[in-house]
Amino acid sequence: MGTLLIVGIILIAYAATSALLDRWGVTSAIAFVTAGLLVGGAGWFHAGAAGEPARLVTELALVLLLFSDSARLDLRALRSHLAWPSRLLLIGLPLTILLGTGAGLLLFPGIGLAGAFLLSTMLCPTDAALGQRVVEDPAVPARVRQALDVESGLNDGLAVPFFLVALDISLATLHDSLPSAVVHNAAEQIGWGLVAGIGSGVVAGLLFRRSEQLGRLHGQWVQLFTIAAALTGYAGAVTLGGSGFIAAFVGGGAFGLVSREHGLRATYFTEETGNLLAAVTWIGFGAVAFRTVWPEISWRVLAYAILSLTVVRMLPVAVAFIGTRARWQTAVFIGWFGPRGLATVVFGLIALEHGIPNANPVLTTVVVTVALSVVLHGLTAVPLIAAYRRWYDRARAAGPTGAEAQETPLPRTRRRPASAA
């Protein structure tokens, strides 16, 4: 009960000062991790870092945010504007895993190929919530925002089969060859995730629209209907052996498409519940995870974390953008804003539960990379957005507009309803 009291006080304190902190460029993740460090250091936070409850809270936070974000995507408008996200997912993601594995072998030769592969797969997903200012700021061209938004919505789900294969290899429970294991896991995770997500999203969307038309859906249940749809798709995918993350993202898209409800009227509570669970996750991360690994931090851990956030992410993005006519400044901007967040924390908790070999260097590196990402991506968002916009305006004034200026539907509606203002 004492831990719950501390969490409540932190949430109230942040809410009361949130506008001021936002003007100072302090993101919610930075504030919550810092608060977690303080209460953890004072001995006021006693929740364990491992176990099913911690993983469930973190996983549900990610699922609800993925569903609500995807539900507000206008898929009809976006279907002809997916060239950049496709390149980031189909070229950038595999190259990131390969580069991350190589960096792991170079810096941690003792963990072997299995450990390096596992570490890389845990750190390859990106989290748009940590780069929220970037995907919301109208100073950033719509096409750039859309690329980052859609990429982060899908890459954590696509990383799941690679992570599970890497986990099996590290635990020596893999019986098939590596290529066949990847194909099998990918087919299972993606396939069942799509079945559960699309199925639940379409059915829920049809019921929502029909109930609205007949006047059978009471206004106070609109928000609860949506969160129930998100949890149903997630639970269905997990039960079938698929990816709950993929189910959440495609389920939200299917729900929005079929229900024709892309605004916050139906998704506001789902998003805010996800934000609440994410806040609790970041408090626990600072209070327990980071403090636990602090004695294990070495120059190798810091070097890998820095490489993961820079070269390992940015070089594959640059390769993915070859032939797109995008300027190098855009490739650098998109490459930098690939923060590591909730999906990586979920993977870390799963790996910890399974008792992976060489757990100290692997999990310590995961925690340090996420912590650095929270701080660096949070603090650099405002100045780098301003710098990028200045360059973009000069480039447009100097000559023909580049690929960045192509008309692209905005990723989603993010305005709060008047009742929530």
Protein backbone atom coordinates (compact mmCIF):
# COMPACT_ATOMS: atom_id res chain seq x y z
CA MET A 1 0.00 0.00 0.00
CA GLY A 2 2.92 2.31 0.68
CA THR A 3 4.14 1.88 -2.90
CA LEU A 4 0.67 2.68 -4.26
CA LEU A 5 0.59 5.82 -2.12
CA ILE A 6 3.97 6.93 -3.51
CA VAL A 7 2.84 6.31 -7.09
CA GLY A 8 -0.32 8.33 -6.50
CA ILE A 9 1.62 11.27 -5.04
CA ILE A 10 4.06 11.25 -7.98
CA LEU A 11 1.22 11.23 -10.52
CA ILE A 12 -0.57 14.10 -8.78
CA ALA A 13 2.63 16.13 -8.52
CA TYR A 14 3.43 15.64 -12.20
CA ALA A 15 -0.12 16.46 -13.32
CA ALA A 16 -0.06 19.70 -11.30
CA THR A 17 3.18 20.83 -12.97
CA SER A 18 2.90 19.12 -16.36
CA ALA A 19 2.40 22.28 -18.44
CA LEU A 20 5.40 23.96 -16.81
CA LEU A 21 7.61 20.90 -17.30
CA ASP A 22 6.50 20.65 -20.92
CA ARG A 23 7.55 24.26 -21.55
CA TRP A 24 10.95 23.39 -20.09
CA GLY A 25 11.25 20.43 -22.45
CA VAL A 26 10.95 17.82 -19.68
CA THR A 27 8.94 14.85 -20.97
CA SER A 28 6.70 12.75 -18.78
CA ALA A 29 9.05 9.78 -19.10
CA ILE A 30 12.01 11.84 -17.83
CA ALA A 31 9.92 13.11 -14.91
CA PHE A 32 8.66 9.67 -13.92
CA VAL A 33 12.02 7.91 -14.22
CA THR A 34 13.65 10.68 -12.16
CA ALA A 35 10.92 10.45 -9.53
CA GLY A 36 11.38 6.69 -9.47
CA LEU A 37 15.10 7.07 -8.88
CA LEU A 38 14.47 9.44 -5.96
CA VAL A 39 11.83 7.32 -4.19
CA GLY A 40 13.75 4.15 -4.90
CA GLY A 41 16.93 5.62 -3.47
CA ALA A 42 15.02 6.69 -0.36
CA GLY A 43 13.69 3.17 0.09
CA TRP A 44 10.06 4.18 -0.42
CA PHE A 45 9.38 1.95 -3.43
CA HIS A 46 9.35 -1.78 -2.71
CA ALA A 47 7.80 -3.39 -5.79
CA GLY A 48 9.85 -6.15 -7.40
CA ALA A 49 11.42 -5.64 -10.81
CA ALA A 50 10.46 -9.09 -12.07
CA GLY A 51 7.36 -11.19 -12.14
CA GLU A 52 4.09 -11.44 -13.98
CA PRO A 53 2.44 -8.28 -12.53
CA ALA A 54 5.25 -5.95 -13.67
CA ARG A 55 5.32 -7.47 -17.14
CA LEU A 56 1.52 -7.39 -17.44
CA VAL A 57 1.31 -3.70 -16.52
CA THR A 58 4.00 -2.80 -19.04
CA GLU A 59 2.55 -5.00 -21.77
CA LEU A 60 -0.97 -3.66 -21.31
CA ALA A 61 0.32 -0.09 -21.45
CA LEU A 62 1.90 -0.79 -24.81
CA VAL A 63 -1.15 -2.66 -26.12
CA LEU A 64 -3.61 0.10 -25.23
CA LEU A 65 -1.41 2.82 -26.72
CA LEU A 66 -0.89 0.83 -29.93
CA PHE A 67 -4.63 0.19 -30.30
CA SER A 68 -5.69 3.78 -29.65
CA ASP A 69 -3.01 5.18 -31.96
CA SER A 70 -3.90 2.78 -34.77
CA ALA A 71 -7.64 3.32 -34.40
CA ARG A 72 -7.13 6.98 -35.28
CA LEU A 73 -5.21 6.20 -38.45
CA ASP A 74 -7.18 6.87 -41.61
CA LEU A 75 -6.13 3.73 -43.50
CA ARG A 76 -7.91 4.73 -46.70
CA ALA A 77 -5.93 7.94 -46.85
CA LEU A 78 -2.63 6.34 -45.88
CA ARG A 79 -2.60 3.26 -48.12
CA SER A 80 -0.89 5.12 -50.99
CA HIS A 81 1.61 6.86 -48.68
CA LEU A 82 3.40 3.94 -47.05
CA ALA A 83 6.66 3.98 -49.02
CA TRP A 84 8.79 5.40 -46.21
CA PRO A 85 7.36 3.29 -43.36
CA SER A 86 7.72 0.17 -45.53
CA ARG A 87 11.39 0.89 -46.11
CA LEU A 88 11.98 1.50 -42.41
CA LEU A 89 10.32 -1.80 -41.52
CA LEU A 90 11.51 -4.08 -44.32
CA ILE A 91 15.05 -2.71 -44.76
CA GLY A 92 15.86 -0.71 -41.67
CA LEU A 93 14.63 -3.19 -39.04
CA PRO A 94 16.56 -6.28 -40.29
CA LEU A 95 19.72 -4.21 -40.79
CA THR A 96 19.35 -2.83 -37.25
CA ILE A 97 19.20 -6.37 -35.86
CA LEU A 98 22.29 -7.38 -37.85
CA LEU A 99 24.30 -4.31 -36.82
CA GLY A 100 23.21 -4.69 -33.20
CA THR A 101 24.31 -8.32 -33.19
CA GLY A 102 27.70 -7.35 -34.58
CA ALA A 103 28.13 -4.62 -31.97
CA GLY A 104 27.23 -7.11 -29.25
CA LEU A 105 29.85 -9.61 -30.43
CA LEU A 106 32.45 -6.86 -30.57
CA LEU A 107 31.80 -5.41 -27.12
CA PHE A 108 30.63 -8.53 -25.25
CA PRO A 109 32.49 -11.50 -26.76
CA GLY A 110 31.64 -13.57 -23.70
CA ILE A 111 27.91 -13.67 -24.39
CA GLY A 112 28.38 -15.39 -27.75
CA LEU A 113 26.29 -15.12 -30.90
CA ALA A 114 23.09 -16.16 -29.10
CA GLY A 115 23.42 -13.46 -26.45
CA ALA A 116 24.36 -10.78 -28.98
CA PHE A 117 21.39 -11.69 -31.18
CA LEU A 118 19.05 -11.61 -28.17
CA LEU A 119 20.36 -8.22 -27.05
CA SER A 120 19.92 -6.79 -30.53
CA THR A 121 16.34 -8.02 -30.92
CA MET A 122 15.40 -6.57 -27.53
CA LEU A 123 16.66 -3.14 -28.53
CA CYS A 124 15.42 -2.90 -32.13
CA PRO A 125 11.81 -1.74 -31.51
CA THR A 126 11.16 2.00 -31.31
CA ASP A 127 8.58 3.80 -29.18
CA ALA A 128 6.66 6.78 -30.58
CA ALA A 129 5.44 7.65 -27.08
CA LEU A 130 8.97 8.76 -26.13
CA GLY A 131 9.15 10.81 -29.30
CA GLN A 132 5.60 12.09 -28.98
CA ARG A 133 6.63 15.70 -29.36
CA VAL A 134 8.17 14.89 -32.73
CA VAL A 135 5.15 13.09 -34.18
CA GLU A 136 2.76 15.74 -32.87
CA ASP A 137 4.64 18.93 -33.74
CA PRO A 138 3.29 20.54 -36.94
CA ALA A 139 6.74 22.07 -37.51
CA VAL A 140 7.84 18.60 -38.65
CA PRO A 141 6.66 17.78 -42.20
CA ALA A 142 3.66 15.45 -42.22
CA ARG A 143 5.47 12.79 -44.24
CA VAL A 144 8.28 12.57 -41.67
CA ARG A 145 5.81 12.38 -38.80
CA GLN A 146 3.82 9.69 -40.57
CA ALA A 147 6.93 7.59 -41.25
CA LEU A 148 8.00 7.66 -37.59
CA ASP A 149 4.48 7.06 -36.33
CA VAL A 150 3.62 4.06 -38.51
CA GLU A 151 7.08 2.53 -38.10
CA SER A 152 6.91 2.61 -34.30
CA GLY A 153 3.42 1.16 -34.39
CA LEU A 154 4.48 -1.94 -36.30
CA ASN A 155 8.15 -2.63 -35.60
CA ASP A 156 7.70 -3.84 -32.02
CA GLY A 157 5.22 -6.47 -33.20
CA LEU A 158 7.46 -7.47 -36.10
CA ALA A 159 10.40 -7.79 -33.72
CA VAL A 160 8.55 -10.35 -31.54
CA PRO A 161 9.33 -13.47 -33.66
CA PHE A 162 13.02 -12.54 -33.84
CA PHE A 163 13.08 -11.97 -30.09
CA LEU A 164 11.41 -15.32 -29.36
CA VAL A 165 13.84 -17.17 -31.64
CA ALA A 166 16.77 -15.40 -29.97
CA LEU A 167 15.36 -16.32 -26.56
CA ASP A 168 15.04 -19.98 -27.57
CA ILE A 169 18.60 -20.01 -28.89
CA SER A 170 19.99 -18.48 -25.71
CA LEU A 171 18.10 -21.03 -23.60
CA ALA A 172 19.19 -23.86 -25.91
CA THR A 173 15.57 -24.88 -26.53
CA LEU A 174 15.61 -24.34 -30.28
CA HIS A 175 15.22 -27.66 -32.11
CA ASP A 176 14.90 -26.50 -35.72
CA SER A 177 17.44 -24.69 -37.86
CA LEU A 178 17.67 -20.92 -37.39
CA PRO A 179 16.03 -19.95 -40.72
CA SER A 180 13.14 -22.37 -40.26
CA ALA A 181 12.70 -21.27 -36.64
CA VAL A 182 12.51 -17.62 -37.69
CA VAL A 183 10.00 -18.43 -40.43
CA HIS A 184 7.93 -20.63 -38.09
CA ASN A 185 7.87 -18.07 -35.29
CA ALA A 186 7.21 -15.20 -37.68
CA ALA A 187 4.32 -17.08 -39.29
CA GLU A 188 2.87 -17.98 -35.92
CA GLN A 189 3.31 -14.61 -34.22
CA ILE A 190 2.33 -12.47 -37.19
CA GLY A 191 -0.34 -14.85 -38.50
CA TRP A 192 -2.27 -15.36 -35.28
CA GLY A 193 -1.70 -11.74 -34.36
CA LEU A 194 -3.32 -10.65 -37.62
CA VAL A 195 -6.18 -13.14 -37.25
CA ALA A 196 -6.99 -12.09 -33.68
CA GLY A 197 -6.45 -8.39 -34.30
CA ILE A 198 -8.37 -8.08 -37.55
CA GLY A 199 -11.10 -10.45 -36.39
CA SER A 200 -11.76 -8.69 -33.11
CA GLY A 201 -11.35 -5.24 -34.67
CA VAL A 202 -13.80 -5.90 -37.51
CA VAL A 203 -16.42 -7.53 -35.28
CA ALA A 204 -16.11 -4.81 -32.62
CA GLY A 205 -16.19 -2.09 -35.28
CA LEU A 206 -19.34 -3.51 -36.89
CA LEU A 207 -21.06 -3.84 -33.52
CA PHE A 208 -20.04 -0.32 -32.55
CA ARG A 209 -21.35 1.26 -35.74
CA ARG A 210 -24.57 -0.76 -35.76
CA SER A 211 -25.28 -0.07 -32.09
CA GLU A 212 -24.70 3.63 -32.69
CA GLN A 213 -27.07 3.64 -35.67
CA LEU A 214 -29.82 1.92 -33.66
CA GLY A 215 -29.27 4.12 -30.63
CA ARG A 216 -28.40 1.15 -28.43
CA LEU A 217 -24.94 2.26 -27.34
CA HIS A 218 -25.14 4.44 -24.26
CA GLY A 219 -22.74 7.38 -24.32
CA GLN A 220 -20.96 6.41 -21.11
CA TRP A 221 -20.06 3.01 -22.61
CA VAL A 222 -18.47 4.33 -25.80
CA GLN A 223 -15.03 4.58 -24.21
CA LEU A 224 -15.33 1.25 -22.36
CA PHE A 225 -16.40 -0.45 -25.59
CA THR A 226 -13.12 0.52 -27.23
CA ILE A 227 -10.88 -0.57 -24.38
CA ALA A 228 -12.72 -3.90 -24.26
CA ALA A 229 -12.09 -4.34 -27.99
CA ALA A 230 -8.37 -3.69 -27.47
CA LEU A 231 -8.10 -6.19 -24.62
CA THR A 232 -10.10 -8.81 -26.53
CA GLY A 233 -7.80 -8.70 -29.54
CA TYR A 234 -4.71 -8.83 -27.34
CA ALA A 235 -5.98 -11.72 -25.24
CA GLY A 236 -7.15 -13.61 -28.33
CA ALA A 237 -3.75 -13.34 -29.99
CA VAL A 238 -1.88 -14.45 -26.86
CA THR A 239 -4.26 -17.40 -26.43
CA LEU A 240 -3.69 -18.50 -30.03
CA GLY A 241 0.08 -18.11 -29.70
CA GLY A 242 0.39 -14.89 -31.70
CA SER A 243 1.74 -11.42 -31.02
CA GLY A 244 -0.49 -9.32 -28.82
CA PHE A 245 1.33 -6.22 -30.08
CA ILE A 246 0.53 -6.93 -33.72
CA ALA A 247 -3.06 -7.76 -32.74
CA ALA A 248 -3.35 -4.45 -30.89
CA PHE A 249 -2.05 -2.36 -33.78
CA VAL A 250 -3.94 -4.05 -36.63
CA GLY A 251 -7.01 -4.46 -34.41
CA GLY A 252 -7.11 -0.74 -33.74
CA GLY A 253 -6.77 -0.03 -37.45
CA ALA A 254 -9.55 -2.49 -38.32
CA PHE A 255 -11.80 -1.05 -35.61
CA GLY A 256 -11.29 2.51 -36.85
CA LEU A 257 -11.80 1.50 -40.48
CA VAL A 258 -15.02 -0.44 -39.89
CA SER A 259 -16.54 1.77 -37.19
CA ARG A 260 -15.48 4.93 -39.08
CA GLU A 261 -14.60 6.35 -35.68
CA HIS A 262 -11.13 7.95 -35.96
CA GLY A 263 -11.49 10.60 -33.28
CA LEU A 264 -10.81 10.64 -29.58
CA ARG A 265 -14.52 10.27 -28.79
CA ALA A 266 -14.04 6.50 -28.79
CA THR A 267 -10.35 6.14 -27.93
CA TYR A 268 -9.66 8.79 -25.31
CA PHE A 269 -10.07 6.50 -22.29
CA THR A 270 -8.05 3.72 -23.94
CA GLU A 271 -5.17 6.10 -24.61
CA GLU A 272 -5.24 7.67 -21.17
CA THR A 273 -5.35 4.26 -19.46
CA GLY A 274 -2.31 3.28 -21.50
CA ASN A 275 -0.59 6.51 -20.48
CA LEU A 276 -1.37 5.81 -16.81
CA LEU A 277 0.08 2.29 -16.98
CA ALA A 278 3.10 3.65 -18.88
CA ALA A 279 3.64 6.23 -16.13
CA VAL A 280 3.61 3.48 -13.49
CA THR A 281 6.06 1.51 -15.62
CA TRP A 282 8.50 4.42 -15.84
CA ILE A 283 8.30 5.06 -12.10
CA GLY A 284 9.08 1.41 -11.43
CA PHE A 285 11.82 1.47 -14.06
CA GLY A 286 13.60 4.29 -12.27
CA ALA A 287 12.99 2.97 -8.76
CA VAL A 288 13.93 -0.65 -9.34
CA ALA A 289 15.43 -1.52 -12.72
CA PHE A 290 17.96 1.28 -13.11
CA ARG A 291 19.04 1.20 -9.47
CA THR A 292 19.44 -2.59 -9.64
CA VAL A 293 21.81 -2.50 -12.61
CA TRP A 294 23.78 0.56 -11.49
CA PRO A 295 26.69 -1.46 -10.00
CA GLU A 296 26.95 -3.48 -13.22
CA ILE A 297 27.41 -0.53 -15.58
CA SER A 298 30.74 -0.61 -17.42
CA TRP A 299 32.32 1.19 -20.33
CA ARG A 300 31.23 -1.68 -22.59
CA VAL A 301 27.61 -1.25 -21.53
CA LEU A 302 27.74 2.49 -22.13
CA ALA A 303 29.48 2.02 -25.48
CA TYR A 304 26.84 -0.41 -26.70
CA ALA A 305 24.01 1.82 -25.49
CA ILE A 306 25.44 4.80 -27.38
CA LEU A 307 26.03 2.71 -30.52
CA SER A 308 22.50 1.33 -30.31
CA LEU A 309 20.98 4.81 -30.25
CA THR A 310 23.23 6.16 -33.01
CA VAL A 311 25.07 3.99 -35.55
CA VAL A 312 23.01 0.82 -35.10
CA ARG A 313 19.79 2.78 -35.68
CA MET A 314 20.87 5.61 -37.95
CA LEU A 315 22.96 3.71 -40.52
CA PRO A 316 20.14 1.27 -41.42
CA VAL A 317 17.74 4.20 -41.75
CA ALA A 318 20.18 5.92 -44.10
CA VAL A 319 20.41 2.74 -46.21
CA ALA A 320 16.62 2.38 -46.21
CA PHE A 321 16.25 5.90 -47.63
CA ILE A 322 18.61 5.36 -50.58
CA GLY A 323 16.68 6.08 -53.77
CA THR A 324 13.82 7.96 -52.09
CA ARG A 325 15.08 11.47 -53.00
CA ALA A 326 14.92 12.36 -49.30
CA ARG A 327 17.73 14.70 -48.18
CA TRP A 328 20.38 13.43 -45.81
CA GLN A 329 19.12 15.81 -43.13
CA THR A 330 15.81 13.95 -43.13
CA ALA A 331 17.50 10.56 -42.88
CA VAL A 332 19.53 11.79 -39.91
CA PHE A 333 16.46 13.29 -38.23
CA ILE A 334 14.39 10.11 -38.61
CA GLY A 335 17.37 7.97 -37.67
CA TRP A 336 17.96 9.82 -34.43
CA PHE A 337 14.33 9.79 -33.32
CA GLY A 338 14.07 6.04 -32.82
CA PRO A 339 13.69 5.94 -29.02
CA ARG A 340 13.63 2.68 -27.08
CA GLY A 341 10.75 2.30 -24.68
CA LEU A 342 7.96 0.04 -23.50
CA ALA A 343 8.47 -2.84 -25.96
CA THR A 344 12.12 -3.15 -24.93
CA VAL A 345 11.13 -3.11 -21.25
CA VAL A 346 8.60 -5.90 -21.93
CA PHE A 347 11.24 -7.97 -23.71
CA GLY A 348 13.63 -7.41 -20.81
CA LEU A 349 11.08 -8.61 -18.26
CA ILE A 350 10.32 -11.71 -20.34
CA ALA A 351 14.02 -12.52 -20.64
CA LEU A 352 14.48 -12.00 -16.89
CA GLU A 353 11.57 -14.35 -16.13
CA HIS A 354 13.12 -17.08 -18.31
CA GLY A 355 16.51 -16.83 -16.59
CA ILE A 356 18.66 -16.25 -19.67
CA PRO A 357 22.41 -16.99 -19.52
CA ASN A 358 24.73 -13.98 -19.21
CA ALA A 359 21.79 -12.03 -17.82
CA ASN A 360 23.89 -9.29 -16.19
CA PRO A 361 25.53 -7.74 -19.27
CA VAL A 362 22.46 -8.23 -21.48
CA LEU A 363 19.82 -6.85 -19.12
CA THR A 364 22.10 -4.12 -17.80
CA THR A 365 22.69 -2.93 -21.36
CA VAL A 366 18.96 -2.98 -22.09
CA VAL A 367 18.16 -0.89 -19.01
CA VAL A 368 20.96 1.62 -19.64
CA THR A 369 20.00 2.02 -23.30
CA VAL A 370 16.36 2.70 -22.43
CA ALA A 371 17.39 5.15 -19.68
CA LEU A 372 19.70 7.04 -22.06
CA SER A 373 16.96 7.08 -24.68
CA VAL A 374 14.44 8.55 -22.25
CA VAL A 375 16.82 11.38 -21.37
CA LEU A 376 18.51 12.07 -24.71
CA HIS A 377 15.48 11.82 -26.97
CA GLY A 378 13.39 13.80 -24.51
CA LEU A 379 15.85 16.66 -24.13
CA THR A 380 16.84 16.91 -27.81
CA ALA A 381 13.31 16.93 -29.25
CA VAL A 382 12.68 20.68 -29.00
CA PRO A 383 16.06 21.96 -30.28
CA LEU A 384 16.33 19.39 -33.08
CA ILE A 385 12.78 20.02 -34.29
CA ALA A 386 13.57 23.73 -34.45
CA ALA A 387 16.86 23.10 -36.29
CA TYR A 388 15.25 20.69 -38.74
CA ARG A 389 12.44 23.16 -39.47
CA ARG A 390 14.92 25.95 -40.16
CA TRP A 391 16.74 23.72 -42.64
CA TYR A 392 13.46 22.60 -44.22
CA ASP A 393 12.27 26.16 -44.74
CA ARG A 394 15.60 27.19 -46.30
CA ALA A 395 15.59 24.14 -48.58
CA ARG A 396 12.07 24.88 -49.82
CA ALA A 397 12.91 28.54 -50.44
CA ALA A 398 16.13 27.70 -52.31
CA GLY A 399 14.79 25.33 -54.92
CA PRO A 400 12.41 22.54 -55.91
CA THR A 401 10.70 20.83 -53.01
CA GLY A 402 12.08 17.45 -52.03
CA ALA A 403 10.42 14.20 -51.12
CA GLU A 404 9.80 15.53 -47.61
CA ALA A 405 7.25 18.02 -48.93
CA GLN A 406 5.00 15.41 -50.55
CA GLU A 407 1.41 15.78 -49.41
CA THR A 408 0.79 13.09 -46.80
CA PRO A 409 -2.25 12.55 -44.58
CA LEU A 410 -1.52 13.37 -40.96
CA PRO A 411 -0.97 10.18 -38.98
CA ARG A 412 -3.82 10.65 -36.54
CA THR A 413 -6.02 13.09 -34.67
CA ARG A 414 -4.46 14.03 -31.36
CA ARG A 415 -6.65 16.90 -30.16
CA ARG A 416 -8.33 16.34 -26.84
CA PRO A 417 -12.11 16.52 -26.70
CA ALA A 418 -13.46 19.70 -25.13
CA SER A 419 -14.78 17.83 -22.10
CA ALA A 420 -11.28 16.65 -21.32
CA ALA A 421 -9.57 19.98 -21.72
